[in-house]
Amino acid sequence: MKGICGLVLLIFITSCKINGTTQGLYGYQKKTETTYPGFILSVNDDICTKKEIKHGVTKLNGLDLAPCLSDNAKTLVYLWQPKCSADRCISPASLKNICDQIDAQLFIVAEYYDYDAMFGNLMDSEPLFGIDQQYYGTSLTKKYKAGFLKDMGVDALNSKQEHLFFYFEDGRFVSSNGDFRTSDWMRNRNIQKK
């Protein structure tokens, strides 16, 4: 009996493998900075006005972004997952068009670093940001993401669904959702189109 259990356990252990990458579990900031020097930029004073749009990704923490949220009547922070291909994920350019229609300021913050996907989504009119993992002292996405959201004034989310979209009015956190198509900020009557 012990031999059969051991054999079953051995087969189970050796058959487990990770397909694809671990992106989404880890942030890869250091690897991206080393492999692509100059692509990840330091935060500057113009992040709220977005006047100085540079060709790269600006790393920031939630405290850097918090003042920008109160500068606008309506702001959407999108925690973009560069490798996400699910229906709930939307391209930064498409979301920018939607935010322009409802007169909401958009901040696209990559949840983790992936040079190819990020480079392919850089826009001339909208900067791309990334969470500064060194500031939060970890490369584990779940940990630095929680710190980033807390620094922006988003309390712990009591949901099993992963939230990607965070809507603010006059700097006050209003709601969040994992799918922009079903989010309150898209259906809310107070958000009038231009």
N, C-alpha and C. Protein backbone atom coordinates (compact mmCIF):
# COMPACT_ATOMS: atom_id res chain seq x y z
N MET A 1 0.83 -1.20 0.00
CA MET A 1 0.00 0.00 0.00
C MET A 1 0.86 1.26 0.00
N LYS A 2 1.94 1.25 0.84
CA LYS A 2 2.83 2.41 0.90
C LYS A 2 3.49 2.65 -0.46
N GLY A 3 3.84 1.56 -1.13
CA GLY A 3 4.49 1.67 -2.43
C GLY A 3 3.58 2.29 -3.48
N ILE A 4 2.29 1.95 -3.45
CA ILE A 4 1.33 2.52 -4.40
C ILE A 4 1.11 4.00 -4.13
N CYS A 5 0.96 4.35 -2.85
CA CYS A 5 0.77 5.77 -2.49
C CYS A 5 1.98 6.59 -2.88
N GLY A 6 3.17 6.02 -2.63
CA GLY A 6 4.40 6.72 -2.99
C GLY A 6 4.52 6.92 -4.49
N LEU A 7 4.15 5.89 -5.25
CA LEU A 7 4.19 5.97 -6.70
C LEU A 7 3.22 7.02 -7.23
N VAL A 8 2.01 7.05 -6.70
CA VAL A 8 1.00 8.04 -7.11
C VAL A 8 1.50 9.44 -6.77
N LEU A 9 2.06 9.62 -5.57
CA LEU A 9 2.59 10.92 -5.17
C LEU A 9 3.74 11.35 -6.08
N LEU A 10 4.63 10.44 -6.42
CA LEU A 10 5.75 10.74 -7.30
C LEU A 10 5.27 11.16 -8.69
N ILE A 11 4.30 10.44 -9.22
CA ILE A 11 3.74 10.80 -10.54
C ILE A 11 3.09 12.18 -10.49
N PHE A 12 2.37 12.47 -9.43
CA PHE A 12 1.69 13.77 -9.28
C PHE A 12 2.71 14.90 -9.23
N ILE A 13 3.74 14.74 -8.42
CA ILE A 13 4.74 15.80 -8.25
C ILE A 13 5.51 16.05 -9.54
N THR A 14 5.90 15.01 -10.23
CA THR A 14 6.69 15.18 -11.45
C THR A 14 5.87 15.64 -12.64
N SER A 15 4.54 15.55 -12.55
CA SER A 15 3.71 15.98 -13.67
C SER A 15 3.32 17.44 -13.58
N CYS A 16 3.61 18.10 -12.49
CA CYS A 16 3.25 19.51 -12.33
C CYS A 16 4.30 20.38 -13.00
N LYS A 17 3.85 21.35 -13.75
CA LYS A 17 4.77 22.30 -14.35
C LYS A 17 4.02 23.60 -14.62
N ILE A 18 4.77 24.68 -14.76
CA ILE A 18 4.17 25.97 -15.06
C ILE A 18 4.31 26.19 -16.55
N ASN A 19 3.19 26.38 -17.22
CA ASN A 19 3.21 26.68 -18.66
C ASN A 19 3.23 28.19 -18.82
N GLY A 20 4.09 28.69 -19.67
CA GLY A 20 4.17 30.13 -19.89
C GLY A 20 5.12 30.77 -18.89
N THR A 21 4.85 32.03 -18.56
CA THR A 21 5.73 32.77 -17.67
C THR A 21 5.04 32.96 -16.32
N THR A 22 5.80 33.50 -15.40
CA THR A 22 5.24 33.83 -14.09
C THR A 22 4.86 35.31 -14.03
N GLN A 23 4.74 35.97 -15.17
CA GLN A 23 4.36 37.37 -15.16
C GLN A 23 2.96 37.48 -14.59
N GLY A 24 2.81 38.44 -13.72
CA GLY A 24 1.58 38.59 -12.98
C GLY A 24 1.81 38.19 -11.53
N LEU A 25 2.74 37.27 -11.29
CA LEU A 25 3.12 36.90 -9.92
C LEU A 25 4.24 37.81 -9.43
N TYR A 26 5.15 38.14 -10.34
CA TYR A 26 6.29 39.00 -10.03
C TYR A 26 6.27 40.19 -10.98
N GLY A 27 6.92 41.28 -10.56
CA GLY A 27 6.85 42.51 -11.33
C GLY A 27 7.91 42.73 -12.38
N TYR A 28 9.08 42.14 -12.23
CA TYR A 28 10.16 42.22 -13.22
C TYR A 28 10.69 43.63 -13.48
N GLN A 29 10.60 44.50 -12.48
CA GLN A 29 11.13 45.86 -12.66
C GLN A 29 12.65 45.82 -12.83
N LYS A 30 13.36 45.15 -11.93
CA LYS A 30 14.83 45.10 -12.01
C LYS A 30 15.30 44.48 -13.32
N LYS A 31 14.66 43.39 -13.73
CA LYS A 31 15.04 42.72 -14.97
C LYS A 31 14.84 43.66 -16.17
N THR A 32 13.73 44.38 -16.19
CA THR A 32 13.45 45.30 -17.30
C THR A 32 14.43 46.46 -17.29
N GLU A 33 14.75 47.00 -16.11
CA GLU A 33 15.70 48.11 -16.02
C GLU A 33 17.09 47.67 -16.48
N THR A 34 17.47 46.45 -16.17
CA THR A 34 18.78 45.93 -16.56
C THR A 34 18.84 45.62 -18.06
N THR A 35 17.80 44.99 -18.56
CA THR A 35 17.78 44.57 -19.96
C THR A 35 17.55 45.73 -20.92
N TYR A 36 16.73 46.70 -20.50
CA TYR A 36 16.38 47.84 -21.36
C TYR A 36 16.67 49.15 -20.63
N PRO A 37 17.94 49.51 -20.48
CA PRO A 37 18.29 50.74 -19.75
C PRO A 37 17.61 51.97 -20.37
N GLY A 38 17.08 52.83 -19.54
CA GLY A 38 16.44 54.06 -20.01
C GLY A 38 14.97 53.91 -20.33
N PHE A 39 14.45 52.70 -20.34
CA PHE A 39 13.03 52.51 -20.65
C PHE A 39 12.14 52.85 -19.45
N ILE A 40 12.61 52.51 -18.24
CA ILE A 40 11.86 52.85 -17.03
C ILE A 40 12.42 54.16 -16.50
N LEU A 41 11.55 55.15 -16.41
CA LEU A 41 11.94 56.51 -16.03
C LEU A 41 11.54 56.81 -14.60
N SER A 42 12.25 57.74 -13.98
CA SER A 42 11.90 58.20 -12.64
C SER A 42 10.74 59.18 -12.72
N VAL A 43 9.96 59.22 -11.66
CA VAL A 43 8.80 60.11 -11.60
C VAL A 43 9.29 61.57 -11.59
N ASN A 44 8.50 62.45 -12.21
CA ASN A 44 8.82 63.88 -12.19
C ASN A 44 7.59 64.67 -11.75
N ASP A 45 7.73 65.97 -11.66
CA ASP A 45 6.65 66.83 -11.18
C ASP A 45 5.49 66.96 -12.16
N ASP A 46 5.66 66.54 -13.39
CA ASP A 46 4.63 66.74 -14.41
C ASP A 46 3.67 65.56 -14.57
N ILE A 47 3.69 64.61 -13.64
CA ILE A 47 2.84 63.44 -13.87
C ILE A 47 1.36 63.79 -13.86
N CYS A 48 0.96 64.77 -13.06
CA CYS A 48 -0.47 65.11 -13.01
C CYS A 48 -0.93 65.82 -14.27
N THR A 49 -0.10 66.70 -14.80
CA THR A 49 -0.50 67.45 -16.00
C THR A 49 -0.18 66.68 -17.28
N LYS A 50 0.71 65.71 -17.16
CA LYS A 50 1.12 64.88 -18.29
C LYS A 50 1.75 65.71 -19.42
N LYS A 51 2.34 66.84 -19.06
CA LYS A 51 2.95 67.71 -20.07
C LYS A 51 4.20 67.08 -20.67
N GLU A 52 4.99 66.45 -19.86
CA GLU A 52 6.27 65.88 -20.26
C GLU A 52 6.10 64.40 -20.55
N ILE A 53 5.52 64.08 -21.66
CA ILE A 53 5.33 62.68 -22.02
C ILE A 53 6.61 62.20 -22.71
N LYS A 54 7.23 61.22 -22.10
CA LYS A 54 8.47 60.68 -22.65
C LYS A 54 8.22 59.27 -23.15
N HIS A 55 9.08 58.83 -24.03
CA HIS A 55 8.94 57.50 -24.61
C HIS A 55 9.54 56.48 -23.65
N GLY A 56 8.73 55.99 -22.75
CA GLY A 56 9.14 55.02 -21.76
C GLY A 56 8.04 54.89 -20.72
N VAL A 57 8.34 54.19 -19.65
CA VAL A 57 7.39 53.95 -18.58
C VAL A 57 7.91 54.66 -17.33
N THR A 58 7.08 55.48 -16.72
CA THR A 58 7.46 56.21 -15.52
C THR A 58 7.06 55.41 -14.30
N LYS A 59 8.05 55.07 -13.46
CA LYS A 59 7.73 54.32 -12.25
C LYS A 59 7.30 55.30 -11.16
N LEU A 60 6.26 54.88 -10.42
CA LEU A 60 5.75 55.72 -9.35
C LEU A 60 5.12 54.86 -8.26
N ASN A 61 4.82 55.50 -7.13
CA ASN A 61 4.09 54.81 -6.07
C ASN A 61 2.74 55.49 -5.91
N GLY A 62 1.89 54.93 -5.07
CA GLY A 62 0.55 55.48 -4.91
C GLY A 62 0.53 56.89 -4.36
N LEU A 63 1.53 57.24 -3.53
CA LEU A 63 1.61 58.60 -2.98
C LEU A 63 1.96 59.61 -4.07
N ASP A 64 2.73 59.20 -5.06
CA ASP A 64 3.04 60.08 -6.19
C ASP A 64 1.78 60.37 -7.00
N LEU A 65 0.92 59.39 -7.13
CA LEU A 65 -0.28 59.53 -7.96
C LEU A 65 -1.44 60.19 -7.22
N ALA A 66 -1.50 60.06 -5.91
CA ALA A 66 -2.62 60.57 -5.11
C ALA A 66 -2.97 62.04 -5.37
N PRO A 67 -2.00 62.96 -5.45
CA PRO A 67 -2.35 64.36 -5.72
C PRO A 67 -3.04 64.56 -7.08
N CYS A 68 -2.70 63.73 -8.05
CA CYS A 68 -3.31 63.83 -9.38
C CYS A 68 -4.80 63.49 -9.33
N LEU A 69 -5.18 62.63 -8.43
CA LEU A 69 -6.58 62.20 -8.33
C LEU A 69 -7.47 63.35 -7.88
N SER A 70 -6.97 64.21 -7.02
CA SER A 70 -7.78 65.33 -6.54
C SER A 70 -7.74 66.52 -7.49
N ASP A 71 -6.86 66.49 -8.48
CA ASP A 71 -6.79 67.56 -9.46
C ASP A 71 -7.91 67.48 -10.50
N ASN A 72 -8.63 66.37 -10.54
CA ASN A 72 -9.64 66.14 -11.58
C ASN A 72 -10.98 65.77 -10.97
N ALA A 73 -12.04 66.22 -11.60
CA ALA A 73 -13.38 65.87 -11.13
C ALA A 73 -13.61 64.37 -11.26
N LYS A 74 -13.17 63.78 -12.36
CA LYS A 74 -13.34 62.34 -12.60
C LYS A 74 -12.02 61.75 -13.06
N THR A 75 -11.59 60.71 -12.37
CA THR A 75 -10.33 60.07 -12.72
C THR A 75 -10.50 58.56 -12.68
N LEU A 76 -9.92 57.90 -13.66
CA LEU A 76 -9.91 56.45 -13.68
C LEU A 76 -8.45 55.99 -13.67
N VAL A 77 -8.13 55.12 -12.73
CA VAL A 77 -6.82 54.49 -12.69
C VAL A 77 -7.02 53.05 -13.17
N TYR A 78 -6.31 52.70 -14.21
CA TYR A 78 -6.39 51.37 -14.80
C TYR A 78 -5.12 50.61 -14.46
N LEU A 79 -5.23 49.57 -13.64
CA LEU A 79 -4.10 48.70 -13.38
C LEU A 79 -4.03 47.69 -14.52
N TRP A 80 -3.30 48.09 -15.52
CA TRP A 80 -3.21 47.35 -16.77
C TRP A 80 -2.29 46.14 -16.62
N GLN A 81 -2.73 45.01 -17.11
CA GLN A 81 -1.94 43.80 -17.12
C GLN A 81 -1.48 43.56 -18.56
N PRO A 82 -0.22 43.89 -18.85
CA PRO A 82 0.24 43.86 -20.24
C PRO A 82 0.00 42.56 -21.00
N LYS A 83 0.05 41.42 -20.35
CA LYS A 83 -0.12 40.14 -21.05
C LYS A 83 -1.56 39.61 -21.00
N CYS A 84 -2.47 40.35 -20.43
CA CYS A 84 -3.85 39.88 -20.28
C CYS A 84 -4.57 39.90 -21.63
N SER A 85 -5.17 38.78 -21.98
CA SER A 85 -5.93 38.70 -23.23
C SER A 85 -7.40 38.36 -22.97
N ALA A 86 -7.80 38.38 -21.72
CA ALA A 86 -9.20 38.07 -21.37
C ALA A 86 -10.12 39.20 -21.84
N ASP A 87 -11.40 38.89 -21.96
CA ASP A 87 -12.37 39.90 -22.39
C ASP A 87 -12.42 41.10 -21.45
N ARG A 88 -12.15 40.88 -20.17
CA ARG A 88 -12.22 41.96 -19.19
C ARG A 88 -11.08 42.96 -19.34
N CYS A 89 -10.04 42.58 -20.04
CA CYS A 89 -8.90 43.47 -20.25
C CYS A 89 -9.13 44.29 -21.51
N ILE A 90 -8.77 45.53 -21.47
CA ILE A 90 -8.98 46.44 -22.59
C ILE A 90 -7.66 47.12 -22.90
N SER A 91 -7.43 47.42 -24.14
CA SER A 91 -6.18 48.08 -24.50
C SER A 91 -6.17 49.50 -23.93
N PRO A 92 -5.00 50.00 -23.58
CA PRO A 92 -4.93 51.37 -23.08
C PRO A 92 -5.51 52.40 -24.06
N ALA A 93 -5.29 52.23 -25.36
CA ALA A 93 -5.81 53.18 -26.35
C ALA A 93 -7.34 53.18 -26.37
N SER A 94 -7.95 52.01 -26.28
CA SER A 94 -9.42 51.93 -26.27
C SER A 94 -9.99 52.58 -25.02
N LEU A 95 -9.37 52.34 -23.88
CA LEU A 95 -9.86 52.94 -22.64
C LEU A 95 -9.66 54.46 -22.66
N LYS A 96 -8.59 54.92 -23.26
CA LYS A 96 -8.36 56.37 -23.41
C LYS A 96 -9.51 57.00 -24.19
N ASN A 97 -9.95 56.36 -25.26
CA ASN A 97 -11.08 56.89 -26.04
C ASN A 97 -12.35 56.96 -25.21
N ILE A 98 -12.61 55.94 -24.41
CA ILE A 98 -13.80 55.93 -23.55
C ILE A 98 -13.72 57.05 -22.52
N CYS A 99 -12.57 57.21 -21.88
CA CYS A 99 -12.41 58.26 -20.87
C CYS A 99 -12.55 59.65 -21.47
N ASP A 100 -12.05 59.83 -22.69
CA ASP A 100 -12.22 61.12 -23.37
C ASP A 100 -13.70 61.42 -23.60
N GLN A 101 -14.49 60.40 -23.93
CA GLN A 101 -15.93 60.58 -24.17
C GLN A 101 -16.69 60.99 -22.91
N ILE A 102 -16.26 60.50 -21.76
CA ILE A 102 -16.97 60.83 -20.52
C ILE A 102 -16.23 61.90 -19.71
N ASP A 103 -15.22 62.51 -20.32
CA ASP A 103 -14.45 63.59 -19.71
C ASP A 103 -13.83 63.17 -18.38
N ALA A 104 -13.22 62.00 -18.38
CA ALA A 104 -12.53 61.51 -17.19
C ALA A 104 -11.03 61.42 -17.48
N GLN A 105 -10.23 61.83 -16.54
CA GLN A 105 -8.78 61.72 -16.66
C GLN A 105 -8.39 60.26 -16.47
N LEU A 106 -7.48 59.77 -17.28
CA LEU A 106 -7.05 58.38 -17.22
C LEU A 106 -5.58 58.29 -16.83
N PHE A 107 -5.30 57.38 -15.90
CA PHE A 107 -3.92 57.03 -15.56
C PHE A 107 -3.77 55.53 -15.77
N ILE A 108 -2.92 55.17 -16.71
CA ILE A 108 -2.66 53.76 -17.01
C ILE A 108 -1.41 53.36 -16.25
N VAL A 109 -1.59 52.42 -15.32
CA VAL A 109 -0.49 51.96 -14.48
C VAL A 109 -0.31 50.46 -14.72
N ALA A 110 0.81 50.09 -15.27
CA ALA A 110 1.08 48.67 -15.52
C ALA A 110 1.26 47.95 -14.19
N GLU A 111 0.59 46.83 -14.07
CA GLU A 111 0.67 46.04 -12.84
C GLU A 111 2.03 45.35 -12.71
N TYR A 112 2.64 45.03 -13.84
CA TYR A 112 3.97 44.44 -13.85
C TYR A 112 4.65 44.89 -15.15
N TYR A 113 5.96 44.68 -15.22
CA TYR A 113 6.74 45.16 -16.36
C TYR A 113 6.94 44.06 -17.40
N ASP A 114 6.61 44.39 -18.63
CA ASP A 114 6.84 43.52 -19.78
C ASP A 114 7.20 44.44 -20.94
N TYR A 115 8.47 44.50 -21.27
CA TYR A 115 8.94 45.47 -22.26
C TYR A 115 8.18 45.39 -23.58
N ASP A 116 8.06 44.21 -24.15
CA ASP A 116 7.44 44.09 -25.48
C ASP A 116 5.99 44.59 -25.47
N ALA A 117 5.21 44.17 -24.51
CA ALA A 117 3.81 44.60 -24.45
C ALA A 117 3.71 46.09 -24.12
N MET A 118 4.56 46.57 -23.24
CA MET A 118 4.52 47.99 -22.87
C MET A 118 4.94 48.87 -24.04
N PHE A 119 6.04 48.50 -24.69
CA PHE A 119 6.54 49.29 -25.81
C PHE A 119 5.50 49.37 -26.91
N GLY A 120 4.80 48.27 -27.15
CA GLY A 120 3.78 48.24 -28.19
C GLY A 120 2.53 49.03 -27.86
N ASN A 121 2.38 49.45 -26.59
CA ASN A 121 1.19 50.20 -26.17
C ASN A 121 1.50 51.63 -25.77
N LEU A 122 2.72 52.09 -26.03
CA LEU A 122 3.03 53.49 -25.73
C LEU A 122 2.26 54.39 -26.69
N MET A 123 1.70 55.48 -26.14
CA MET A 123 0.94 56.43 -26.96
C MET A 123 1.59 57.80 -26.85
N ASP A 124 1.48 58.58 -27.91
CA ASP A 124 2.02 59.94 -27.87
C ASP A 124 1.20 60.84 -26.95
N SER A 125 -0.08 60.54 -26.78
CA SER A 125 -0.96 61.42 -26.02
C SER A 125 -1.18 61.00 -24.57
N GLU A 126 -0.70 59.84 -24.19
CA GLU A 126 -0.98 59.33 -22.85
C GLU A 126 0.23 58.59 -22.30
N PRO A 127 0.77 59.05 -21.17
CA PRO A 127 1.93 58.36 -20.60
C PRO A 127 1.54 57.02 -19.99
N LEU A 128 2.50 56.16 -19.90
CA LEU A 128 2.32 54.86 -19.28
C LEU A 128 3.15 54.84 -18.00
N PHE A 129 2.52 54.39 -16.91
CA PHE A 129 3.18 54.34 -15.62
C PHE A 129 3.35 52.89 -15.19
N GLY A 130 4.25 52.67 -14.27
CA GLY A 130 4.45 51.35 -13.67
C GLY A 130 4.66 51.52 -12.19
N ILE A 131 4.26 50.53 -11.41
CA ILE A 131 4.40 50.61 -9.96
C ILE A 131 5.87 50.42 -9.59
N ASP A 132 6.38 51.31 -8.75
CA ASP A 132 7.77 51.26 -8.31
C ASP A 132 7.91 50.19 -7.22
N GLN A 133 8.34 49.02 -7.64
CA GLN A 133 8.44 47.89 -6.71
C GLN A 133 9.54 48.09 -5.68
N GLN A 134 10.57 48.83 -6.02
CA GLN A 134 11.64 49.10 -5.06
C GLN A 134 11.09 49.91 -3.89
N TYR A 135 10.19 50.83 -4.17
CA TYR A 135 9.59 51.64 -3.10
C TYR A 135 8.84 50.75 -2.11
N TYR A 136 8.15 49.73 -2.61
CA TYR A 136 7.37 48.84 -1.76
C TYR A 136 8.19 47.67 -1.21
N GLY A 137 9.44 47.55 -1.63
CA GLY A 137 10.35 46.56 -1.08
C GLY A 137 10.05 45.12 -1.44
N THR A 138 9.34 44.90 -2.53
CA THR A 138 9.03 43.54 -2.95
C THR A 138 8.77 43.50 -4.45
N SER A 139 9.04 42.35 -5.05
CA SER A 139 8.69 42.17 -6.45
C SER A 139 7.46 41.29 -6.61
N LEU A 140 6.85 40.90 -5.50
CA LEU A 140 5.62 40.11 -5.53
C LEU A 140 4.44 41.02 -5.83
N THR A 141 3.79 40.79 -6.95
CA THR A 141 2.72 41.66 -7.44
C THR A 141 1.65 41.89 -6.39
N LYS A 142 1.18 40.85 -5.76
CA LYS A 142 0.09 40.96 -4.78
C LYS A 142 0.46 41.93 -3.65
N LYS A 143 1.70 41.89 -3.20
CA LYS A 143 2.14 42.74 -2.08
C LYS A 143 2.30 44.20 -2.50
N TYR A 144 3.02 44.45 -3.60
CA TYR A 144 3.21 45.86 -3.96
C TYR A 144 1.93 46.50 -4.49
N LYS A 145 1.07 45.71 -5.10
CA LYS A 145 -0.22 46.23 -5.57
C LYS A 145 -1.08 46.68 -4.38
N ALA A 146 -1.10 45.90 -3.31
CA ALA A 146 -1.86 46.27 -2.11
C ALA A 146 -1.34 47.58 -1.52
N GLY A 147 -0.02 47.74 -1.46
CA GLY A 147 0.56 48.98 -0.94
C GLY A 147 0.25 50.17 -1.84
N PHE A 148 0.32 49.96 -3.14
CA PHE A 148 0.02 51.02 -4.10
C PHE A 148 -1.42 51.51 -3.94
N LEU A 149 -2.37 50.57 -3.86
CA LEU A 149 -3.77 50.95 -3.72
C LEU A 149 -4.03 51.66 -2.40
N LYS A 150 -3.43 51.17 -1.34
CA LYS A 150 -3.59 51.81 -0.02
C LYS A 150 -3.08 53.25 -0.07
N ASP A 151 -1.94 53.46 -0.71
CA ASP A 151 -1.37 54.81 -0.82
C ASP A 151 -2.25 55.75 -1.63
N MET A 152 -3.07 55.21 -2.52
CA MET A 152 -4.01 56.04 -3.30
C MET A 152 -5.32 56.27 -2.55
N GLY A 153 -5.48 55.65 -1.39
CA GLY A 153 -6.71 55.82 -0.63
C GLY A 153 -7.76 54.76 -0.89
N VAL A 154 -7.34 53.66 -1.50
CA VAL A 154 -8.26 52.55 -1.74
C VAL A 154 -8.09 51.56 -0.60
N ASP A 155 -9.15 51.40 0.20
CA ASP A 155 -9.10 50.45 1.30
C ASP A 155 -9.08 49.03 0.76
N ALA A 156 -8.79 48.09 1.63
CA ALA A 156 -8.77 46.68 1.24
C ALA A 156 -10.08 46.31 0.56
N LEU A 157 -9.97 45.65 -0.57
CA LEU A 157 -11.14 45.26 -1.33
C LEU A 157 -11.64 43.90 -0.85
N ASN A 158 -12.90 43.86 -0.47
CA ASN A 158 -13.50 42.61 0.00
C ASN A 158 -14.18 41.91 -1.17
N SER A 159 -13.38 41.41 -2.06
CA SER A 159 -13.92 40.77 -3.25
C SER A 159 -12.96 39.69 -3.71
N LYS A 160 -13.48 38.61 -4.23
CA LYS A 160 -12.63 37.58 -4.80
C LYS A 160 -12.24 37.93 -6.23
N GLN A 161 -12.97 38.86 -6.82
CA GLN A 161 -12.68 39.29 -8.18
C GLN A 161 -11.49 40.25 -8.16
N GLU A 162 -10.61 40.10 -9.12
CA GLU A 162 -9.47 41.00 -9.22
C GLU A 162 -9.93 42.33 -9.82
N HIS A 163 -9.63 43.41 -9.15
CA HIS A 163 -10.05 44.73 -9.61
C HIS A 163 -8.93 45.37 -10.41
N LEU A 164 -9.29 45.91 -11.58
CA LEU A 164 -8.34 46.56 -12.47
C LEU A 164 -8.66 48.04 -12.66
N PHE A 165 -9.91 48.41 -12.44
CA PHE A 165 -10.38 49.77 -12.72
C PHE A 165 -10.79 50.45 -11.41
N PHE A 166 -10.21 51.64 -11.16
CA PHE A 166 -10.46 52.35 -9.91
C PHE A 166 -10.91 53.76 -10.25
N TYR A 167 -12.15 54.07 -9.88
CA TYR A 167 -12.77 55.35 -10.24
C TYR A 167 -12.78 56.29 -9.04
N PHE A 168 -12.36 57.54 -9.28
CA PHE A 168 -12.28 58.57 -8.24
C PHE A 168 -13.05 59.80 -8.70
N GLU A 169 -13.68 60.49 -7.77
CA GLU A 169 -14.29 61.79 -8.03
C GLU A 169 -13.69 62.78 -7.05
N ASP A 170 -13.10 63.84 -7.59
CA ASP A 170 -12.44 64.87 -6.79
C ASP A 170 -11.48 64.27 -5.76
N GLY A 171 -10.75 63.25 -6.19
CA GLY A 171 -9.75 62.63 -5.33
C GLY A 171 -10.29 61.58 -4.37
N ARG A 172 -11.59 61.42 -4.32
CA ARG A 172 -12.21 60.45 -3.40
C ARG A 172 -12.50 59.16 -4.15
N PHE A 173 -12.05 58.05 -3.58
CA PHE A 173 -12.30 56.76 -4.19
C PHE A 173 -13.79 56.47 -4.15
N VAL A 174 -14.36 56.13 -5.33
CA VAL A 174 -15.79 55.87 -5.44
C VAL A 174 -16.07 54.38 -5.63
N SER A 175 -15.41 53.76 -6.60
CA SER A 175 -15.69 52.35 -6.86
C SER A 175 -14.55 51.71 -7.65
N SER A 176 -14.61 50.40 -7.67
CA SER A 176 -13.63 49.65 -8.47
C SER A 176 -14.32 48.42 -9.02
N ASN A 177 -13.70 47.88 -10.07
CA ASN A 177 -14.30 46.73 -10.72
C ASN A 177 -13.23 45.99 -11.49
N GLY A 178 -13.51 44.74 -11.80
CA GLY A 178 -12.58 43.94 -12.58
C GLY A 178 -12.89 43.96 -14.06
N ASP A 179 -14.05 44.50 -14.44
CA ASP A 179 -14.46 44.51 -15.84
C ASP A 179 -15.12 45.85 -16.13
N PHE A 180 -14.51 46.66 -16.97
CA PHE A 180 -15.03 48.00 -17.22
C PHE A 180 -16.44 47.98 -17.80
N ARG A 181 -16.81 46.92 -18.48
CA ARG A 181 -18.13 46.86 -19.12
C ARG A 181 -19.27 46.78 -18.11
N THR A 182 -18.98 46.29 -16.91
CA THR A 182 -20.02 46.16 -15.89
C THR A 182 -19.80 47.10 -14.71
N SER A 183 -18.88 48.03 -14.83
CA SER A 183 -18.53 48.88 -13.71
C SER A 183 -19.54 50.01 -13.51
N ASP A 184 -19.68 50.41 -12.25
CA ASP A 184 -20.61 51.48 -11.89
C ASP A 184 -20.26 52.79 -12.59
N TRP A 185 -18.98 53.08 -12.71
CA TRP A 185 -18.59 54.36 -13.30
C TRP A 185 -19.00 54.46 -14.76
N MET A 186 -19.17 53.33 -15.45
CA MET A 186 -19.63 53.38 -16.84
C MET A 186 -21.15 53.57 -16.91
N ARG A 187 -21.87 53.06 -15.93
CA ARG A 187 -23.33 53.12 -15.94
C ARG A 187 -23.88 54.32 -15.16
N ASN A 188 -23.05 54.91 -14.33
CA ASN A 188 -23.50 55.97 -13.43
C ASN A 188 -24.08 57.16 -14.22
N ARG A 189 -25.24 57.60 -13.84
CA ARG A 189 -25.89 58.73 -14.53
C ARG A 189 -25.17 60.05 -14.31
N ASN A 190 -24.40 60.14 -13.24
CA ASN A 190 -23.67 61.37 -12.96
C ASN A 190 -22.51 61.59 -13.93
N ILE A 191 -22.13 60.56 -14.63
CA ILE A 191 -21.05 60.67 -15.60
C ILE A 191 -21.67 60.91 -16.97
N GLN A 192 -21.72 62.13 -17.37
CA GLN A 192 -22.33 62.50 -18.64
C GLN A 192 -21.28 62.50 -19.73
N LYS A 193 -21.65 62.07 -20.89
CA LYS A 193 -20.74 62.16 -22.04
C LYS A 193 -20.61 63.61 -22.45
N LYS A 194 -19.50 63.93 -23.08
CA LYS A 194 -19.28 65.30 -23.57
C LYS A 194 -20.33 65.68 -24.57
